[in-house]
Protein backbone atom coordinates (compact mmCIF):
# COMPACT_ATOMS: atom_id res chain seq x y z
CA MET A 1 107.24 72.13 142.66
CA PHE A 2 108.82 75.43 143.67
CA LEU A 3 110.44 77.33 140.80
CA GLY A 4 111.33 80.92 140.00
CA THR A 5 112.43 83.97 141.96
CA TYR A 6 110.23 86.55 143.64
CA HIS A 7 111.26 89.80 145.33
CA HIS A 8 109.56 90.80 148.57
CA SER A 9 110.24 92.97 151.61
CA LEU A 10 110.30 92.09 155.28
CA ASP A 11 107.99 94.20 157.39
CA SER A 12 109.04 95.77 160.69
CA LYS A 13 108.08 92.60 162.60
CA GLY A 14 110.13 90.28 160.36
CA ARG A 15 107.20 88.96 158.35
CA VAL A 16 107.37 88.29 154.63
CA SER A 17 104.68 87.36 152.14
CA LEU A 18 104.78 83.99 150.48
CA PRO A 19 104.74 84.38 146.71
CA ALA A 20 101.24 83.69 145.37
CA ARG A 21 102.54 80.86 143.16
CA TYR A 22 104.14 79.13 146.17
CA ARG A 23 100.88 79.47 148.13
CA GLU A 24 99.15 77.61 145.30
CA VAL A 25 101.71 74.79 145.49
CA LEU A 26 101.44 74.65 149.29
CA ALA A 27 97.64 74.45 149.13
CA ALA A 28 98.06 70.95 147.65
CA GLU A 29 100.18 69.77 150.61
CA ALA A 30 98.54 67.22 152.90
CA GLU A 31 99.79 68.91 156.07
CA PRO A 32 99.78 72.69 156.45
CA GLY A 33 102.76 74.58 157.81
CA LEU A 34 106.36 75.21 156.94
CA ILE A 35 109.72 74.48 158.50
CA LEU A 36 112.27 77.30 158.41
CA THR A 37 115.89 76.35 158.92
CA ILE A 38 119.37 77.32 157.89
CA ASN A 39 120.53 76.32 154.45
CA HIS A 40 122.22 72.95 154.73
CA GLY A 41 124.87 73.85 152.15
CA ASP A 42 126.03 77.06 153.80
CA ALA A 43 124.39 77.97 157.11
CA ARG A 44 124.91 81.71 156.71
CA GLN A 45 123.72 81.90 153.12
CA CYS A 46 119.92 81.86 153.27
CA VAL A 47 116.86 80.49 155.04
CA ALA A 48 115.66 77.14 153.72
CA VAL A 49 111.86 76.80 153.75
CA TYR A 50 110.39 73.31 153.60
CA PRO A 51 106.82 72.09 153.48
CA ARG A 52 106.33 69.58 156.31
CA GLU A 53 106.52 66.42 154.16
CA PRO A 54 109.91 67.07 152.48
CA PHE A 55 111.38 68.14 155.83
CA ALA A 56 110.01 64.97 157.44
CA ARG A 57 111.75 62.89 154.74
CA LEU A 58 115.03 64.68 155.50
CA ALA A 59 114.51 64.02 159.22
CA GLN A 60 113.77 60.33 158.54
CA LYS A 61 117.06 59.99 156.67
CA LEU A 62 118.88 61.52 159.63
CA MET A 63 117.07 59.29 162.12
CA ALA A 64 117.78 56.00 160.39
CA ASP A 65 117.50 52.95 162.63
CA GLY A 66 120.38 52.54 165.03
CA PRO A 67 122.77 55.08 166.46
CA MET A 68 123.32 58.20 164.42
CA ASP A 69 126.65 58.54 162.67
CA ALA A 70 128.83 61.13 164.49
CA GLN A 71 129.00 63.41 161.44
CA LEU A 72 125.23 63.21 160.91
CA GLU A 73 124.71 63.98 164.58
CA ARG A 74 126.87 67.10 164.21
CA TYR A 75 124.88 68.05 161.11
CA ALA A 76 121.57 67.60 162.96
CA ARG A 77 122.91 69.62 165.90
CA ALA A 78 123.81 72.43 163.51
CA ILE A 79 120.48 72.44 161.65
CA LEU A 80 117.78 71.57 164.18
CA PRO A 81 118.37 74.27 166.84
CA SER A 82 117.94 76.91 164.13
CA SER A 83 114.75 75.30 162.80
CA THR A 84 111.23 76.45 163.55
CA GLU A 85 107.70 75.60 162.45
CA VAL A 86 105.55 78.41 161.06
CA MET A 87 102.09 78.87 159.59
CA HIS A 88 101.20 81.64 157.22
CA ASP A 89 98.60 84.18 158.33
CA ARG A 90 95.47 85.25 156.43
CA GLN A 91 97.54 87.67 154.36
CA GLY A 92 99.91 84.85 153.33
CA ARG A 93 102.80 86.09 155.49
CA ILE A 94 105.21 84.09 157.61
CA LEU A 95 107.27 85.34 160.52
CA ILE A 96 111.00 84.68 160.25
CA PRO A 97 112.38 84.64 163.80
CA ALA A 98 114.87 87.40 164.59
CA ALA A 99 117.67 84.94 165.39
CA LEU A 100 117.29 83.24 162.00
CA ARG A 101 117.12 86.59 160.17
CA GLU A 102 120.26 87.68 161.96
CA LEU A 103 122.12 84.43 161.31
CA VAL A 104 121.68 84.67 157.53
CA GLY A 105 121.78 88.47 157.32
CA LEU A 106 118.24 89.19 156.14
CA GLU A 107 117.58 92.90 156.21
CA ARG A 108 114.59 94.40 154.41
CA GLU A 109 114.73 93.35 150.74
CA VAL A 110 114.60 89.59 150.20
CA THR A 111 114.35 87.18 147.30
CA TRP A 112 112.41 83.92 147.35
CA VAL A 113 114.08 81.21 145.25
CA GLY A 114 112.33 77.99 144.23
CA MET A 115 114.46 74.86 144.64
CA PHE A 116 112.17 72.00 143.53
CA ASN A 117 110.94 70.59 146.88
CA ARG A 118 111.86 73.60 149.01
CA MET A 119 112.18 77.37 148.86
CA GLU A 120 114.95 79.67 149.97
CA ILE A 121 114.81 83.21 151.30
CA TRP A 122 117.89 85.27 150.51
CA ASP A 123 118.99 88.78 151.28
CA ARG A 124 118.38 90.34 147.86
CA ALA A 125 121.89 91.76 147.41
CA ARG A 126 123.48 88.45 148.47
CA TRP A 127 121.20 86.57 146.07
CA GLU A 128 122.09 88.81 143.13
CA SER A 129 125.81 88.37 143.80
CA SER A 130 125.60 84.61 144.31
CA HIS A 131 123.34 84.13 141.30
CA ALA A 132 125.67 86.16 139.07
CA THR A 133 128.57 83.93 140.16
CA ASP A 134 126.53 80.79 139.48
CA LEU A 135 125.50 82.06 136.05
CA ALA A 136 129.15 82.75 135.20
CA GLU A 137 129.95 79.14 136.15
CA VAL A 138 126.88 77.56 134.57
CA GLY A 139 128.98 75.68 131.99
CA ASN A 140 131.01 73.96 134.71
CA LEU A 141 127.91 73.36 136.81
CA ASN A 142 126.11 71.88 133.80
CA ARG A 143 128.95 69.40 133.28
CA LEU A 144 128.56 68.31 136.91
CA TYR A 145 124.81 67.84 136.42
CA THR A 146 125.40 65.87 133.20
CA GLU A 147 127.91 63.58 134.95
CA ILE A 148 125.50 62.92 137.81
CA TYR A 149 122.49 62.48 135.54
CA ASN A 150 124.27 60.14 133.12
CA GLY A 151 125.76 58.18 136.00
CA ASN A 152 122.25 57.45 137.36
CA GLU A 153 120.78 55.98 134.19
């Protein structure tokens, strides 16, 4: 499970180190490699980083038997062209393609954010602003979580 936040810097080639804790989690994955894509909640917000298996489950849901729903097809068309497969190098770094860095506004200072089955890479300043807003709204967000959680019992 991916949890916590970690601050790192992009190098001049657009590579960033995976946090050591995330490397430990990824070592347990059956299939090596990561999928980088745009965040499905807000495409210009951050890079979503999936291990292969969770991304494959998302893809399976999109490719359900029969013709794809028109809205799901639009969603897939928005996400998949921006997606890429990467492997980390011996130093534990991944290369974030220039087009993806540009799309979400990654400059030099980035923050890794653990999101249970995936990770996110944010521009550090954008993360700090967004996280401050979320913390200010945590009471309202907690009520939403409680409603969803209690509704699924």
